[in-house]
Protein backbone atom coordinates (compact mmCIF):
# COMPACT_ATOMS: atom_id res chain seq x y z
CA MET A 1 23.86 61.80 -43.48
CA PHE A 2 26.62 59.47 -42.30
CA GLY A 3 28.74 59.86 -45.45
CA SER A 4 31.71 57.49 -45.49
CA ARG A 5 31.07 56.42 -41.93
CA ARG A 6 27.82 54.64 -42.80
CA PRO A 7 29.34 51.19 -43.48
CA ARG A 8 31.36 51.32 -40.26
CA VAL A 9 28.30 52.38 -38.24
CA LEU A 10 26.14 49.66 -39.73
CA ALA A 11 28.85 47.09 -39.11
CA ALA A 12 29.12 48.18 -35.48
CA LEU A 13 25.35 47.97 -35.03
CA CYS A 14 25.24 44.49 -36.53
CA ALA A 15 28.09 43.37 -34.28
CA ALA A 16 26.32 44.75 -31.19
CA LEU A 17 23.10 42.97 -32.13
CA ALA A 18 24.96 39.72 -32.65
CA ILE A 19 26.63 39.98 -29.25
CA ALA A 20 23.30 40.72 -27.54
CA LEU A 21 21.66 37.78 -29.29
CA LEU A 22 24.46 35.43 -28.25
CA ALA A 23 24.25 36.67 -24.65
CA SER A 24 20.50 36.17 -24.63
CA CYS A 25 20.89 32.63 -25.94
CA ALA A 26 23.54 31.92 -23.30
CA ARG A 27 21.23 33.15 -20.55
CA VAL A 28 18.41 30.88 -21.79
CA MET A 29 20.77 27.89 -21.92
CA ASN A 30 22.11 28.63 -18.44
CA THR A 31 18.58 28.92 -17.08
CA ALA A 32 17.74 25.51 -18.49
CA ASP A 33 20.95 23.99 -17.10
CA GLU A 34 20.31 25.43 -13.64
CA GLY A 35 16.79 24.12 -13.34
CA GLY A 36 14.77 25.06 -16.40
CA SER A 37 11.44 23.65 -17.41
CA ALA A 38 10.71 19.93 -17.38
CA ASP A 39 10.54 20.02 -21.17
CA ALA A 40 14.03 21.57 -21.35
CA ASP A 41 15.45 19.03 -18.92
CA ALA A 42 13.90 16.18 -20.87
CA SER A 43 15.01 17.52 -24.25
CA ARG A 44 18.67 17.32 -23.26
CA SER A 45 18.33 13.54 -22.95
CA GLY A 46 15.86 13.27 -25.82
CA LYS A 47 13.21 11.75 -23.58
CA LYS A 48 10.03 12.76 -21.84
CA PRO A 49 10.54 12.56 -18.08
CA ASN A 50 9.30 9.55 -16.13
CA ILE A 51 7.38 9.97 -12.87
CA VAL A 52 7.32 7.60 -9.90
CA TYR A 53 5.13 8.56 -6.96
CA VAL A 54 5.20 6.59 -3.70
CA LEU A 55 2.12 7.29 -1.57
CA THR A 56 2.01 5.99 1.99
CA ASP A 57 -1.01 5.57 4.28
CA ASP A 58 -1.19 7.56 7.55
CA LEU A 59 2.52 8.40 7.48
CA ALA A 60 3.25 11.42 9.68
CA TRP A 61 6.35 13.62 9.64
CA ASN A 62 7.64 11.98 12.83
CA LEU A 63 8.39 8.75 10.91
CA VAL A 64 10.64 10.33 8.30
CA GLU A 65 13.72 10.38 10.55
CA TYR A 66 13.57 6.56 10.65
CA MET A 67 13.65 6.24 6.85
CA PRO A 68 17.23 6.65 5.56
CA HIS A 69 16.35 6.52 1.85
CA VAL A 70 13.69 9.19 2.33
CA GLN A 71 16.23 11.25 4.26
CA ARG A 72 18.59 10.96 1.30
CA MET A 73 15.80 12.14 -0.96
CA ARG A 74 15.71 15.31 1.15
CA GLU A 75 19.45 15.73 0.60
CA LYS A 76 19.34 14.99 -3.14
CA GLY A 77 16.17 16.91 -3.94
CA THR A 78 13.58 19.38 -2.74
CA THR A 79 11.24 19.16 0.25
CA PHE A 80 7.89 20.94 0.47
CA THR A 81 7.73 22.00 4.12
CA ASN A 82 4.13 23.25 3.99
CA PHE A 83 2.33 20.47 2.12
CA PHE A 84 -1.21 19.60 3.24
CA ALA A 85 -4.02 17.12 2.64
CA THR A 86 -7.52 18.32 1.78
CA ASP A 87 -8.81 16.02 4.52
CA SER A 88 -7.01 13.92 7.12
CA LEU A 89 -8.90 10.83 5.98
CA CYS A 90 -7.93 8.24 3.40
CA CYS A 91 -10.61 8.26 0.70
CA PRO A 92 -11.33 11.99 0.33
CA SER A 93 -7.61 12.74 0.41
CA ARG A 94 -6.76 10.13 -2.22
CA THR A 95 -9.62 11.29 -4.40
CA SER A 96 -8.28 14.85 -4.28
CA LEU A 97 -4.85 13.55 -5.25
CA LEU A 98 -6.18 11.56 -8.20
CA THR A 99 -8.49 14.26 -9.56
CA GLY A 100 -6.85 17.52 -8.49
CA GLN A 101 -10.15 18.65 -6.94
CA TYR A 102 -11.36 19.53 -3.46
CA PRO A 103 -13.89 17.22 -1.76
CA HIS A 104 -16.75 19.66 -2.44
CA ASN A 105 -16.10 19.12 -6.16
CA THR A 106 -15.50 15.36 -6.03
CA GLY A 107 -18.41 14.55 -3.71
CA VAL A 108 -16.13 12.27 -1.66
CA PHE A 109 -16.01 13.39 1.98
CA THR A 110 -15.77 10.13 3.94
CA ASN A 111 -14.70 6.50 3.54
CA GLY A 112 -18.20 5.12 2.92
CA GLY A 113 -21.90 5.78 2.59
CA ASP A 114 -23.55 8.25 0.26
CA ASP A 115 -20.82 10.88 0.62
CA GLY A 116 -17.73 8.72 0.60
CA GLY A 117 -15.75 5.70 -0.44
CA TYR A 118 -15.34 4.04 -3.81
CA ARG A 119 -19.08 4.11 -4.38
CA ALA A 120 -19.29 7.91 -4.14
CA PHE A 121 -16.10 8.20 -6.20
CA MET A 122 -17.70 6.27 -9.06
CA LYS A 123 -21.15 7.85 -8.67
CA ASN A 124 -19.66 11.31 -9.12
CA ARG A 125 -17.69 10.24 -12.22
CA ASN A 126 -14.32 10.96 -10.69
CA GLU A 127 -12.56 8.09 -12.42
CA GLU A 128 -12.45 9.91 -15.75
CA LYS A 129 -10.82 12.91 -14.04
CA THR A 130 -7.76 11.04 -12.76
CA PHE A 131 -4.32 11.67 -14.22
CA GLY A 132 -3.90 8.13 -15.60
CA PRO A 133 -6.05 8.48 -18.74
CA ALA A 134 -4.58 11.91 -19.59
CA LEU A 135 -1.01 10.64 -19.33
CA GLN A 136 -1.80 7.50 -21.29
CA ARG A 137 -3.21 9.62 -24.12
CA ALA A 138 0.05 11.59 -24.04
CA GLY A 139 2.03 8.43 -24.81
CA TYR A 140 2.93 7.35 -21.27
CA ARG A 141 2.86 3.83 -19.90
CA THR A 142 0.82 4.15 -16.71
CA GLY A 143 0.87 1.93 -13.64
CA PHE A 144 -1.06 1.88 -10.38
CA MET A 145 -0.21 -0.50 -7.54
CA GLY A 146 -1.35 -1.07 -3.98
CA LYS A 147 -4.21 0.78 -2.31
CA TYR A 148 -6.77 2.57 -4.47
CA LEU A 149 -9.84 3.75 -2.53
CA ASN A 150 -11.80 2.59 0.50
CA GLY A 151 -14.55 0.23 -0.59
CA TYR A 152 -12.75 -0.96 -3.72
CA GLN A 153 -12.72 -4.75 -4.05
CA PRO A 154 -10.42 -6.58 -6.50
CA LYS A 155 -13.24 -8.91 -7.58
CA ASP A 156 -15.69 -6.12 -8.45
CA LYS A 157 -16.72 -6.25 -12.12
CA ASN A 158 -18.62 -2.96 -12.37
CA GLY A 159 -20.80 -4.35 -15.14
CA THR A 160 -17.93 -5.88 -17.10
CA SER A 161 -17.27 -9.57 -17.80
CA LYS A 162 -14.17 -9.80 -15.56
CA PRO A 163 -12.69 -8.01 -12.56
CA TYR A 164 -12.71 -4.36 -13.42
CA VAL A 165 -9.65 -2.35 -14.41
CA PRO A 166 -10.24 1.39 -14.82
CA SER A 167 -9.40 2.87 -18.19
CA GLY A 168 -6.14 4.78 -18.43
CA TRP A 169 -3.87 2.24 -16.70
CA ASP A 170 -1.51 -0.10 -18.55
CA GLU A 171 -0.56 -1.91 -15.35
CA TRP A 172 -3.07 -2.40 -12.54
CA ASP A 173 -2.07 -4.36 -9.40
CA VAL A 174 -4.50 -3.23 -6.72
CA ALA A 175 -5.68 -4.76 -3.43
CA GLY A 176 -8.79 -4.23 -1.35
CA ALA A 177 -8.22 -4.55 2.38
CA GLY A 178 -4.46 -5.09 2.47
CA TYR A 179 -3.87 -3.52 5.88
CA ASN A 180 -2.60 -6.76 7.43
CA GLU A 181 0.00 -7.10 4.63
CA TYR A 182 -0.95 -10.81 4.30
CA ASP A 183 -3.99 -12.81 3.15
CA TYR A 184 -5.17 -10.38 0.48
CA ASP A 185 -6.19 -10.45 -3.18
CA LEU A 186 -4.67 -8.39 -5.97
CA ASN A 187 -6.51 -7.47 -9.14
CA GLU A 188 -3.62 -7.99 -11.53
CA ASN A 189 -4.76 -6.51 -14.84
CA GLY A 190 -8.20 -8.09 -14.56
CA LYS A 191 -7.18 -11.36 -12.93
CA VAL A 192 -7.67 -11.82 -9.18
CA VAL A 193 -4.61 -13.40 -7.58
CA PRO A 194 -4.72 -14.49 -3.92
CA TYR A 195 -1.72 -14.07 -1.62
CA GLY A 196 -1.23 -15.90 1.66
CA LYS A 197 0.88 -15.79 4.81
CA ALA A 198 4.32 -16.70 3.49
CA PRO A 199 7.11 -14.16 4.02
CA GLU A 200 7.28 -13.56 0.26
CA ASP A 201 3.59 -12.55 0.31
CA TYR A 202 4.29 -9.46 2.42
CA LEU A 203 2.39 -6.82 0.47
CA THR A 204 4.88 -3.94 0.53
CA ASP A 205 7.58 -6.28 -0.80
CA VAL A 206 5.23 -7.62 -3.49
CA LEU A 207 4.53 -4.05 -4.60
CA SER A 208 8.26 -3.30 -4.65
CA LYS A 209 8.93 -6.23 -6.98
CA LYS A 210 6.05 -5.31 -9.27
CA ALA A 211 7.18 -1.69 -9.37
CA THR A 212 10.74 -2.58 -10.35
CA SER A 213 9.37 -4.97 -12.98
CA PHE A 214 7.19 -2.20 -14.41
CA ILE A 215 10.19 0.12 -14.64
CA GLY A 216 12.17 -2.60 -16.40
CA SER A 217 9.45 -3.35 -18.94
CA SER A 218 8.94 0.37 -19.59
CA ALA A 219 12.67 0.74 -20.23
CA ALA A 220 12.54 -2.20 -22.64
CA GLU A 221 9.66 -0.59 -24.52
CA LYS A 222 11.53 2.72 -24.55
CA LYS A 223 8.41 4.58 -23.44
CA PRO A 224 8.04 7.23 -20.75
CA PHE A 225 6.07 6.05 -17.75
CA MET A 226 4.10 7.24 -14.75
CA LEU A 227 3.84 4.88 -11.79
CA GLU A 228 2.00 5.35 -8.51
CA VAL A 229 2.82 2.86 -5.77
CA ALA A 230 0.37 3.29 -2.90
CA THR A 231 1.30 1.27 0.17
CA PHE A 232 -1.02 0.29 3.00
CA ALA A 233 1.83 0.88 5.46
CA PRO A 234 2.03 2.35 8.03
CA HIS A 235 -1.76 2.14 8.53
CA GLY A 236 -2.86 -0.07 11.43
CA PRO A 237 -2.35 -2.81 12.43
CA TYR A 238 1.21 -1.67 11.53
CA THR A 239 2.46 -5.07 10.36
CA PRO A 240 6.23 -5.03 9.71
CA ALA A 241 8.14 -7.23 7.28
CA PRO A 242 9.49 -10.35 9.05
CA ARG A 243 13.05 -8.99 8.85
CA ASP A 244 12.01 -5.82 10.70
CA LYS A 245 9.80 -7.17 13.47
CA ASP A 246 12.44 -6.97 16.22
CA LYS A 247 13.95 -3.60 15.31
CA PHE A 248 13.77 -0.46 17.47
CA PRO A 249 13.17 -2.10 20.87
CA GLY A 250 12.01 0.30 23.56
CA LEU A 251 11.23 3.11 21.14
CA GLU A 252 8.94 5.84 22.52
CA ALA A 253 6.52 8.12 20.71
CA PRO A 254 7.70 11.75 20.48
CA ARG A 255 6.90 13.85 23.55
CA THR A 256 6.14 17.12 21.79
CA ASP A 257 4.88 20.20 23.62
CA ALA A 258 1.35 19.12 22.67
CA TYR A 259 1.72 15.58 24.02
CA ASP A 260 -0.88 14.93 26.74
CA LYS A 261 -1.74 18.65 26.81
CA ALA A 262 -5.32 19.85 26.74
CA THR A 263 -6.25 22.50 24.20
CA GLY A 264 -7.00 25.84 25.80
CA ASP A 265 -10.64 26.82 25.19
CA ALA A 266 -11.08 23.57 23.30
CA PRO A 267 -14.11 22.83 21.10
CA LYS A 268 -16.85 20.73 22.69
CA TRP A 269 -15.88 17.50 20.95
CA GLN A 270 -12.67 17.52 23.03
CA SER A 271 -14.42 18.26 26.33
CA THR A 272 -14.40 14.66 27.55
CA LEU A 273 -10.69 14.07 26.96
CA SER A 274 -8.86 13.12 30.12
CA PRO A 275 -5.10 13.00 30.72
CA LEU A 276 -3.37 9.98 29.25
CA THR A 277 -2.90 7.16 31.71
CA ALA A 278 0.43 5.43 32.16
CA GLU A 279 -1.02 2.38 30.43
CA GLU A 280 -2.22 4.49 27.50
CA LYS A 281 1.21 6.09 27.14
CA GLN A 282 2.80 2.66 27.01
CA GLY A 283 0.26 1.63 24.39
CA ILE A 284 1.05 4.71 22.30
CA ASP A 285 4.76 3.90 22.53
CA ARG A 286 4.14 0.34 21.35
CA LYS A 287 2.07 1.55 18.40
CA PHE A 288 4.65 4.15 17.44
CA ALA A 289 7.40 1.53 17.43
CA LYS A 290 5.22 -0.72 15.24
CA ARG A 291 4.67 2.17 12.85
CA VAL A 292 8.42 2.76 12.61
CA ARG A 293 9.00 -0.94 11.92
CA SER A 294 6.26 -1.05 9.28
CA VAL A 295 7.81 1.75 7.21
CA GLN A 296 11.20 0.05 6.97
CA ALA A 297 9.94 -2.01 4.01
CA VAL A 298 8.60 1.16 2.38
CA ASP A 299 12.00 2.80 2.77
CA ALA A 300 13.71 -0.28 1.36
CA MET A 301 11.34 -0.14 -1.62
CA ILE A 302 12.40 3.44 -2.33
CA GLY A 303 16.02 2.32 -2.28
CA GLN A 304 15.19 -0.50 -4.69
CA LEU A 305 13.34 1.87 -7.02
CA GLU A 306 16.34 4.21 -7.07
CA LYS A 307 18.69 1.30 -7.76
CA THR A 308 16.52 0.02 -10.62
CA LEU A 309 16.31 3.45 -12.20
CA GLU A 310 20.11 3.72 -12.06
CA GLU A 311 20.60 0.25 -13.54
CA LYS A 312 18.22 0.98 -16.40
CA GLY A 313 19.86 4.32 -17.15
CA LEU A 314 16.69 6.20 -16.25
CA ALA A 315 17.69 8.02 -13.06
CA ASP A 316 18.51 11.31 -14.80
CA ASP A 317 15.14 11.33 -16.59
CA THR A 318 12.88 10.33 -13.69
CA TYR A 319 11.11 12.33 -11.01
CA LEU A 320 10.79 10.33 -7.79
CA MET A 321 8.22 11.72 -5.37
CA PHE A 322 7.31 10.60 -1.86
CA GLY A 323 4.29 11.54 0.24
CA SER A 324 1.38 10.50 2.45
CA ASP A 325 -2.41 10.73 2.25
CA ASN A 326 -2.64 12.21 5.76
CA GLY A 327 -0.81 12.45 9.05
CA PHE A 328 -1.52 10.81 12.39
CA HIS A 329 -1.66 12.07 15.98
CA MET A 330 -0.42 10.02 18.92
CA GLY A 331 -1.22 11.71 22.21
CA GLU A 332 -1.12 15.33 21.08
CA HIS A 333 -4.03 17.40 22.46
CA ARG A 334 -4.68 14.35 24.67
CA LEU A 335 -6.06 12.62 21.59
CA ARG A 336 -5.55 8.89 21.46
CA PRO A 337 -4.00 7.60 18.20
CA GLY A 338 -5.96 8.67 15.13
CA LYS A 339 -6.51 11.45 12.60
CA GLN A 340 -9.45 13.44 11.10
CA THR A 341 -8.63 16.74 12.82
CA ALA A 342 -7.46 19.96 11.18
CA TYR A 343 -4.32 20.12 13.32
CA ASP A 344 -0.91 19.94 11.65
CA THR A 345 -0.30 16.48 13.12
CA ASP A 346 -3.05 15.22 10.81
CA VAL A 347 -3.07 17.42 7.71
CA LYS A 348 0.56 18.50 7.25
CA VAL A 349 2.34 15.69 5.45
CA PRO A 350 5.76 14.95 3.93
CA MET A 351 6.43 15.69 0.25
CA MET A 352 9.89 15.19 -1.26
CA VAL A 353 10.93 15.11 -4.91
CA THR A 354 14.14 14.32 -6.76
CA GLY A 355 14.70 14.41 -10.49
CA PRO A 356 15.90 16.38 -13.51
CA GLY A 357 16.53 20.02 -12.67
CA VAL A 358 15.39 19.65 -9.04
CA PRO A 359 17.84 21.47 -6.73
CA ALA A 360 19.54 19.42 -4.04
CA GLY A 361 18.84 20.13 -0.38
CA GLU A 362 16.25 22.82 -1.09
CA LYS A 363 13.13 23.57 0.94
CA VAL A 364 9.98 25.13 -0.48
CA SER A 365 7.80 26.86 2.11
CA ARG A 366 4.99 27.91 -0.24
CA LEU A 367 1.61 26.44 0.72
CA ALA A 368 1.00 23.32 -1.36
CA GLU A 369 -1.71 20.67 -1.21
CA ASN A 370 -2.52 17.26 -2.63
CA VAL A 371 -4.90 18.84 -5.19
CA ASP A 372 -1.67 20.11 -6.79
CA LEU A 373 -0.35 16.65 -7.65
CA ASN A 374 -2.67 15.89 -10.59
CA PRO A 375 -1.75 19.12 -12.45
CA THR A 376 1.91 18.65 -11.47
CA PHE A 377 2.10 15.19 -13.02
CA LEU A 378 0.44 16.46 -16.20
CA ASP A 379 2.66 19.53 -16.39
CA LEU A 380 5.85 17.50 -15.96
CA ALA A 381 4.69 15.30 -18.83
CA GLY A 382 4.07 18.30 -21.07
CA VAL A 383 0.28 18.02 -20.82
CA ALA A 384 -1.72 21.16 -20.07
CA PRO A 385 -3.80 20.55 -16.91
CA PRO A 386 -7.54 21.02 -17.51
CA SER A 387 -9.17 24.18 -16.15
CA THR A 388 -11.43 21.96 -13.99
CA VAL A 389 -8.66 21.05 -11.54
CA ASP A 390 -8.64 23.08 -8.33
CA GLY A 391 -4.91 22.75 -7.74
CA ARG A 392 -1.85 24.19 -9.48
CA SER A 393 1.30 22.62 -10.87
CA LEU A 394 4.25 22.57 -8.48
CA SER A 395 6.74 22.19 -11.33
CA ASP A 396 8.20 25.70 -11.11
CA LEU A 397 8.54 25.50 -7.33
CA MET A 398 10.21 22.10 -7.42
CA HIS A 399 12.70 23.38 -9.99
CA GLY A 400 13.77 26.29 -7.81
CA ARG A 401 11.77 28.96 -9.61
CA THR A 402 9.53 31.41 -7.81
CA GLU A 403 5.81 31.89 -8.22
CA GLU A 404 4.86 35.51 -7.67
CA GLU A 405 1.10 34.98 -7.49
CA TRP A 406 0.62 32.01 -5.20
CA ARG A 407 -2.11 30.96 -2.80
CA GLU A 408 -2.23 32.37 0.72
CA ALA A 409 -4.44 29.63 2.18
CA VAL A 410 -5.22 25.95 1.68
CA LEU A 411 -8.63 24.41 2.28
CA ILE A 412 -9.39 21.44 4.55
CA GLU A 413 -12.85 19.85 4.36
CA HIS A 414 -14.12 17.11 6.66
CA HIS A 415 -17.49 15.43 7.12
CA HIS A 416 -18.33 13.57 10.29
CA SER A 417 -19.07 10.00 9.27
CA THR A 418 -21.86 7.95 10.78
CA VAL A 419 -20.74 4.84 8.87
CA LYS A 420 -18.56 2.79 11.19
CA LYS A 421 -18.95 -0.75 9.86
CA ASP A 422 -16.02 -1.92 7.69
CA ASP A 423 -14.33 1.49 8.00
CA PRO A 424 -10.69 0.94 9.02
CA ASP A 425 -10.56 4.58 10.13
CA ALA A 426 -13.69 4.57 12.29
CA ALA A 427 -12.69 6.61 15.31
CA PRO A 428 -13.75 6.37 18.95
CA LYS A 429 -14.44 9.78 20.43
CA ASP A 430 -11.21 9.96 22.39
CA SER A 431 -9.06 9.46 19.27
CA GLY A 432 -10.47 12.35 17.25
CA ASP A 433 -13.98 12.15 15.86
CA PRO A 434 -14.91 15.80 15.31
CA PRO A 435 -18.18 17.07 13.84
CA THR A 436 -18.25 18.24 10.24
CA TYR A 437 -15.94 21.22 9.69
CA GLY A 438 -14.22 23.42 7.14
CA ALA A 439 -10.80 24.94 7.78
CA ILE A 440 -8.16 27.11 6.20
CA ARG A 441 -4.45 26.89 6.92
CA THR A 442 -2.27 29.90 6.10
CA GLU A 443 1.46 30.29 6.65
CA ASP A 444 0.89 31.57 10.17
CA SER A 445 -2.58 30.48 11.28
CA LEU A 446 -5.23 27.78 11.41
CA TYR A 447 -8.92 28.66 11.35
CA VAL A 448 -11.72 26.10 11.78
CA GLU A 449 -15.51 26.41 11.57
CA TYR A 450 -17.61 23.53 12.84
CA VAL A 451 -21.12 22.77 11.65
CA ASP A 452 -22.44 23.40 15.18
CA GLY A 453 -21.13 26.99 15.13
CA GLN A 454 -17.94 26.50 17.14
CA ARG A 455 -14.70 27.99 15.89
CA GLU A 456 -10.99 27.57 16.43
CA PHE A 457 -8.16 29.95 15.63
CA TYR A 458 -4.46 29.37 16.29
CA ALA A 459 -1.68 31.92 15.76
CA LEU A 460 1.20 29.69 14.73
CA ASP A 461 3.96 32.25 15.27
CA SER A 462 3.37 32.13 19.01
CA ASP A 463 1.58 28.78 19.22
CA PRO A 464 3.09 26.32 16.70
CA GLU A 465 1.63 23.30 18.51
CA GLN A 466 -1.90 24.75 18.22
CA LEU A 467 -2.69 24.52 21.89
CA THR A 468 -4.47 27.80 22.62
CA ASN A 469 -7.70 28.47 20.76
CA ARG A 470 -7.93 32.25 20.27
CA ALA A 471 -11.16 32.34 18.26
CA ALA A 472 -12.94 34.29 21.00
CA ALA A 473 -10.27 37.02 20.85
CA LEU A 474 -10.68 37.67 17.11
CA SER A 475 -12.07 41.09 16.22
CA PRO A 476 -15.27 41.15 14.13
CA ALA A 477 -13.23 42.27 11.12
CA GLN A 478 -10.74 39.42 11.53
CA ARG A 479 -13.49 36.87 12.00
CA ASP A 480 -15.38 38.11 8.95
CA ALA A 481 -12.23 38.05 6.80
CA LEU A 482 -11.41 34.47 7.81
CA HIS A 483 -15.01 33.36 7.29
CA ARG A 484 -15.08 34.98 3.86
CA THR A 485 -11.89 33.26 2.71
CA LEU A 486 -13.14 29.89 3.97
CA THR A 487 -16.53 30.31 2.33
CA GLU A 488 -15.04 31.32 -1.01
CA LEU A 489 -12.69 28.34 -0.98
CA GLN A 490 -15.57 25.99 -0.12
CA ARG A 491 -17.42 27.28 -3.19
CA CYS A 492 -14.55 27.48 -5.68
CA LYS A 493 -14.52 25.38 -8.85
CA GLY A 494 -11.49 25.12 -11.10
CA ALA A 495 -7.95 26.48 -10.95
CA GLU A 496 -8.77 30.11 -11.67
CA SER A 497 -11.65 30.25 -9.19
CA CYS A 498 -9.75 28.43 -6.43
CA GLN A 499 -6.60 30.49 -6.90
CA ALA A 500 -8.63 33.67 -6.51
CA ALA A 501 -10.44 32.26 -3.46
CA ALA A 502 -7.10 31.32 -1.83
CA ARG A 503 -6.17 35.01 -1.47
CA THR A 504 -6.95 35.94 2.12
CA HIS A 505 -9.00 39.00 3.07
CA THR A 506 -7.01 39.88 6.16
CA SER A 507 -4.97 42.73 4.66
């Protein structure tokens, strides 16, 4: 058919195919260079990526501006601007982080009693669901330091012959009640070591030294590692390091639009709140200044971690992440200092990440939650997250890639606790002690259902401080759609189920 032209035609076709193949390869390589998968980023250095996660206690967004190393993380990496906790309370939030599951699937709703604390965590077999064992099986050195869960005691043996160390952790340096930063015990790999009142016993500094040592020993062993450092700061009593105790004199708590403002059409549990007195405002200012002082050591630790990673030649292969278990209100809605509400002051928390392939100075506005951290850590390590996690990996989002099918709502679950003894978060009524509730937070709204039948709804476009409850103005169709989404999220189990439930029914 082609006669003498056939060889020339075939040659031209082959040349065209070769050019297309080369172009395709170039596009793949460029994609990897500009923020490809974690595996691609790691393969260029011949290493699996390391992960360091710093978790703080009760750190709200309003403290970040006083933390220069965290601020630099925002410049060097990516910030999740809509990151939430499943509950604005320590133990249920930390359990969700460790397991990747909502409280209704972990059975941990409070800090103690039958439905909370370390006891409920163990009773519901959550320990085997944490990311430590999975990463250890994948060849990672794993470390956990600082605060674990409310009710955990370093001397507990849990039926073993010595102080108990959960499986899955190569390095375990964990305290019980370390809120004062002094006079505490650490379970150091099965040996209980007491610390006293000397300046060098300051807990955040001790954790910093142990964390840098762990990085150094991991580098020496030439093994990838995952380290979580969970500080007790800035939880009350807000004890600063000795070097920071006189900093920030005269500092005042932020006077936001919600400060000392009553909620319009407020739920009954807020009905007794009175305006803040001058003395109470002064007290809030003093506590805020203490909180700022107490996070200076945390910020210094982040700087030391970054320095150590650089010195060991690991900075380009390590993801450094920073976050908090929940926020903290200080006068907003006329609430005295505390947490446990569904308002953004309490559930919307910082999340920053730097590392291989993470774009500098980027902001991700997609709704993310602490149930996403377990699958994220596994995904970054090249481990497929189990189908039983409720969250989703944030790896694509943190590398600048889009997710077409993403959640439209996050779930917040809170049980009113009747256990007050030995609970460091036991709340007087004027600081936020709401009845049991479930809530959903979307990009532009907050919807809350209380166990006593009350509801709250805030349209964030016009009311970002969540000061005017518009639940009574919802149409029956709107109310039913919100209730349906909340109910489906409260019943979901596993990533597929929870992703489907997180699609709202308002359209």
